[in-house]
Amino acid sequence: MPLFKKILVPLDGSDHSLRALETAVEVAKKFESNITLVHVYSLSIPPLMMPESTTMGPPGIPVGAPAEISRLVDAEREAGNRILADGKERAAAKGLDVECLLKEGSTVQEIAKTANEGGFDLIVMGARGISRIREILVGSVSDGVTKHASCPVLVVK
């Protein structure tokens, strides 16, 4: 039985996440593992991006201007699907077929939950993602995942 039968690779489109994918592909080849790519998007819309007609309801859920909110959510999903398709194409170029998951929610929580519930043996992820400002304010995603995942986490720089 392979040491790392199931590998989860979170992707956000950053250079670090793409390097993590390259590393995961090499590990998967060595251990004959399966890879699943995951992208997590958030429905939280910064107040500066909300249309003036949007108001906040309890607890901070945007209400009003539903067409605009729907458009922003669709754009997030499309971007996530493009990131996953690019990752799948990169893995295919190296001879691996991968599964893809698109999740909505808190990035750290969704990655850890996916790994824990999916029985993954390893998470391979980038050290830094796209949002450096958010990382400074709330801590890095890789740090959060290492604290909450029940399997080993390989962080690639």
Protein backbone atom coordinates (compact mmCIF):
# COMPACT_ATOMS: atom_id res chain seq x y z
CA MET A 1 0.00 0.00 0.00
CA PRO A 2 1.49 3.38 -1.00
CA LEU A 3 2.58 5.75 1.74
CA PHE A 4 0.64 8.63 0.20
CA LYS A 5 -2.30 7.09 -1.63
CA LYS A 6 -4.38 10.30 -1.76
CA ILE A 7 -2.83 13.75 -2.13
CA LEU A 8 -4.78 17.01 -1.86
CA VAL A 9 -3.37 20.08 -3.61
CA PRO A 10 -5.02 23.44 -2.89
CA LEU A 11 -4.63 25.85 -5.80
CA ASP A 12 -5.17 29.60 -5.91
CA GLY A 13 -3.32 30.39 -9.14
CA SER A 14 -0.23 31.79 -7.37
CA ASP A 15 3.30 30.78 -8.32
CA HIS A 16 3.67 29.06 -4.95
CA SER A 17 0.57 26.90 -5.51
CA LEU A 18 1.77 25.95 -8.99
CA ARG A 19 5.15 24.91 -7.56
CA ALA A 20 3.25 22.87 -4.97
CA LEU A 21 1.41 21.13 -7.82
CA GLU A 22 4.72 20.29 -9.50
CA THR A 23 5.99 18.80 -6.24
CA ALA A 24 2.75 16.85 -5.71
CA VAL A 25 3.03 15.40 -9.21
CA GLU A 26 6.54 14.14 -8.48
CA VAL A 27 5.42 12.63 -5.15
CA ALA A 28 2.40 11.04 -6.84
CA LYS A 29 4.58 9.44 -9.50
CA LYS A 30 6.97 8.04 -6.90
CA PHE A 31 4.22 6.64 -4.65
CA GLU A 32 1.61 5.88 -7.34
CA SER A 33 -0.78 8.29 -5.65
CA ASN A 34 -4.01 9.93 -6.72
CA ILE A 35 -4.14 13.72 -6.73
CA THR A 36 -7.16 15.90 -6.08
CA LEU A 37 -6.96 19.62 -6.74
CA VAL A 38 -9.11 21.96 -4.67
CA HIS A 39 -9.86 25.65 -5.05
CA VAL A 40 -11.75 27.49 -2.33
CA TYR A 41 -13.51 30.75 -3.07
CA SER A 42 -15.24 32.99 -0.60
CA LEU A 43 -18.57 34.73 -1.00
CA SER A 44 -17.47 37.55 1.28
CA ILE A 45 -17.52 40.72 -0.75
CA PRO A 46 -15.40 43.62 0.48
CA PRO A 47 -17.56 46.68 1.24
CA LEU A 48 -15.62 48.75 -1.30
CA MET A 49 -16.71 46.39 -4.08
CA MET A 50 -20.39 46.39 -3.15
CA PRO A 51 -22.79 48.52 -5.12
CA GLU A 52 -24.18 51.53 -3.25
CA SER A 53 -27.65 49.94 -3.22
CA THR A 54 -26.36 46.95 -1.23
CA THR A 55 -27.02 46.91 2.49
CA MET A 56 -25.73 44.55 5.12
CA GLY A 57 -28.11 42.30 7.01
CA PRO A 58 -27.40 40.18 10.07
CA PRO A 59 -24.67 38.95 10.54
CA GLY A 60 -22.96 40.96 7.79
CA ILE A 61 -24.71 39.15 4.95
CA PRO A 62 -25.13 41.39 1.92
CA VAL A 63 -28.75 42.00 0.95
CA GLY A 64 -30.06 44.06 -1.91
CA ALA A 65 -28.63 44.32 -5.43
CA PRO A 66 -28.93 40.54 -5.87
CA ALA A 67 -28.02 40.69 -9.56
CA GLU A 68 -24.72 42.38 -8.74
CA ILE A 69 -23.92 39.94 -5.94
CA SER A 70 -24.83 37.02 -8.20
CA ARG A 71 -22.52 38.38 -10.90
CA LEU A 72 -19.63 38.63 -8.42
CA VAL A 73 -20.23 35.08 -7.14
CA ASP A 74 -20.37 33.74 -10.70
CA ALA A 75 -17.08 35.51 -11.47
CA GLU A 76 -15.46 33.88 -8.40
CA ARG A 77 -16.67 30.44 -9.48
CA GLU A 78 -15.47 30.97 -13.05
CA ALA A 79 -12.05 32.07 -11.83
CA GLY A 80 -11.86 29.01 -9.58
CA ASN A 81 -12.81 26.69 -12.43
CA ARG A 82 -10.12 28.26 -14.64
CA ILE A 83 -7.49 27.74 -11.92
CA LEU A 84 -8.53 24.09 -11.55
CA ALA A 85 -8.59 23.52 -15.33
CA ASP A 86 -5.08 24.97 -15.61
CA GLY A 87 -3.88 22.69 -12.80
CA LYS A 88 -5.49 19.67 -14.42
CA GLU A 89 -3.84 20.53 -17.74
CA ARG A 90 -0.42 20.91 -16.07
CA ALA A 91 -0.79 17.51 -14.35
CA ALA A 92 -1.96 15.90 -17.60
CA ALA A 93 1.17 17.23 -19.34
CA LYS A 94 3.17 15.23 -16.77
CA GLY A 95 1.10 12.10 -17.40
CA LEU A 96 -1.31 12.30 -14.45
CA ASP A 97 -5.08 12.50 -14.39
CA VAL A 98 -6.38 14.45 -11.40
CA GLU A 99 -9.75 15.12 -9.82
CA CYS A 100 -10.91 18.69 -9.16
CA LEU A 101 -13.06 20.17 -6.39
CA LEU A 102 -14.46 23.69 -6.22
CA LYS A 103 -15.48 24.70 -2.70
CA GLU A 104 -17.03 27.81 -1.17
CA GLY A 105 -16.18 29.05 2.30
CA SER A 106 -13.26 29.81 4.56
CA THR A 107 -10.10 28.67 2.80
CA VAL A 108 -8.40 27.09 5.81
CA GLN A 109 -11.55 25.40 7.08
CA GLU A 110 -12.57 24.02 3.69
CA ILE A 111 -9.11 22.63 2.89
CA ALA A 112 -8.81 20.96 6.32
CA LYS A 113 -12.39 19.65 6.14
CA THR A 114 -11.86 18.26 2.63
CA ALA A 115 -8.63 16.54 3.68
CA ASN A 116 -10.11 15.13 6.88
CA GLU A 117 -13.41 13.94 5.41
CA GLY A 118 -11.82 12.68 2.18
CA GLY A 119 -9.25 10.50 3.92
CA PHE A 120 -6.29 12.25 2.31
CA ASP A 121 -2.81 11.10 3.33
CA LEU A 122 -0.97 14.30 2.39
CA ILE A 123 -1.66 17.94 1.56
CA VAL A 124 0.87 19.67 -0.69
CA MET A 125 0.42 23.43 -0.80
CA GLY A 126 2.22 26.67 -1.49
CA ALA A 127 3.80 28.70 1.29
CA ARG A 128 2.15 31.89 0.12
CA GLY A 129 -0.94 32.58 -1.91
CA ILE A 130 -2.22 35.49 -3.91
CA SER A 131 -3.55 37.65 -1.10
CA ARG A 132 -0.55 38.90 0.87
CA ILE A 133 -2.55 41.66 2.59
CA ARG A 134 -5.07 39.16 3.94
CA GLU A 135 -2.21 36.88 4.98
CA ILE A 136 -0.68 39.66 7.09
CA LEU A 137 -4.02 40.42 8.73
CA VAL A 138 -5.30 36.92 9.49
CA GLY A 139 -2.27 34.65 9.15
CA SER A 140 -1.23 32.39 6.34
CA VAL A 141 -3.48 29.72 4.91
CA SER A 142 -0.66 27.17 5.01
CA ASP A 143 -0.15 27.84 8.73
CA GLY A 144 -3.87 27.40 9.41
CA VAL A 145 -4.06 24.19 7.39
CA THR A 146 -1.07 22.67 9.21
CA LYS A 147 -2.86 23.35 12.51
CA HIS A 148 -6.26 21.94 11.48
CA ALA A 149 -5.56 19.07 9.07
CA SER A 150 -5.27 15.56 10.43
CA CYS A 151 -2.71 14.48 7.82
CA PRO A 152 0.83 15.69 7.05
CA VAL A 153 1.14 18.99 5.16
CA LEU A 154 4.06 19.63 2.81
CA VAL A 155 4.50 23.39 2.34
CA VAL A 156 6.36 24.32 -0.84
CA LYS A 157 8.21 27.65 -1.19
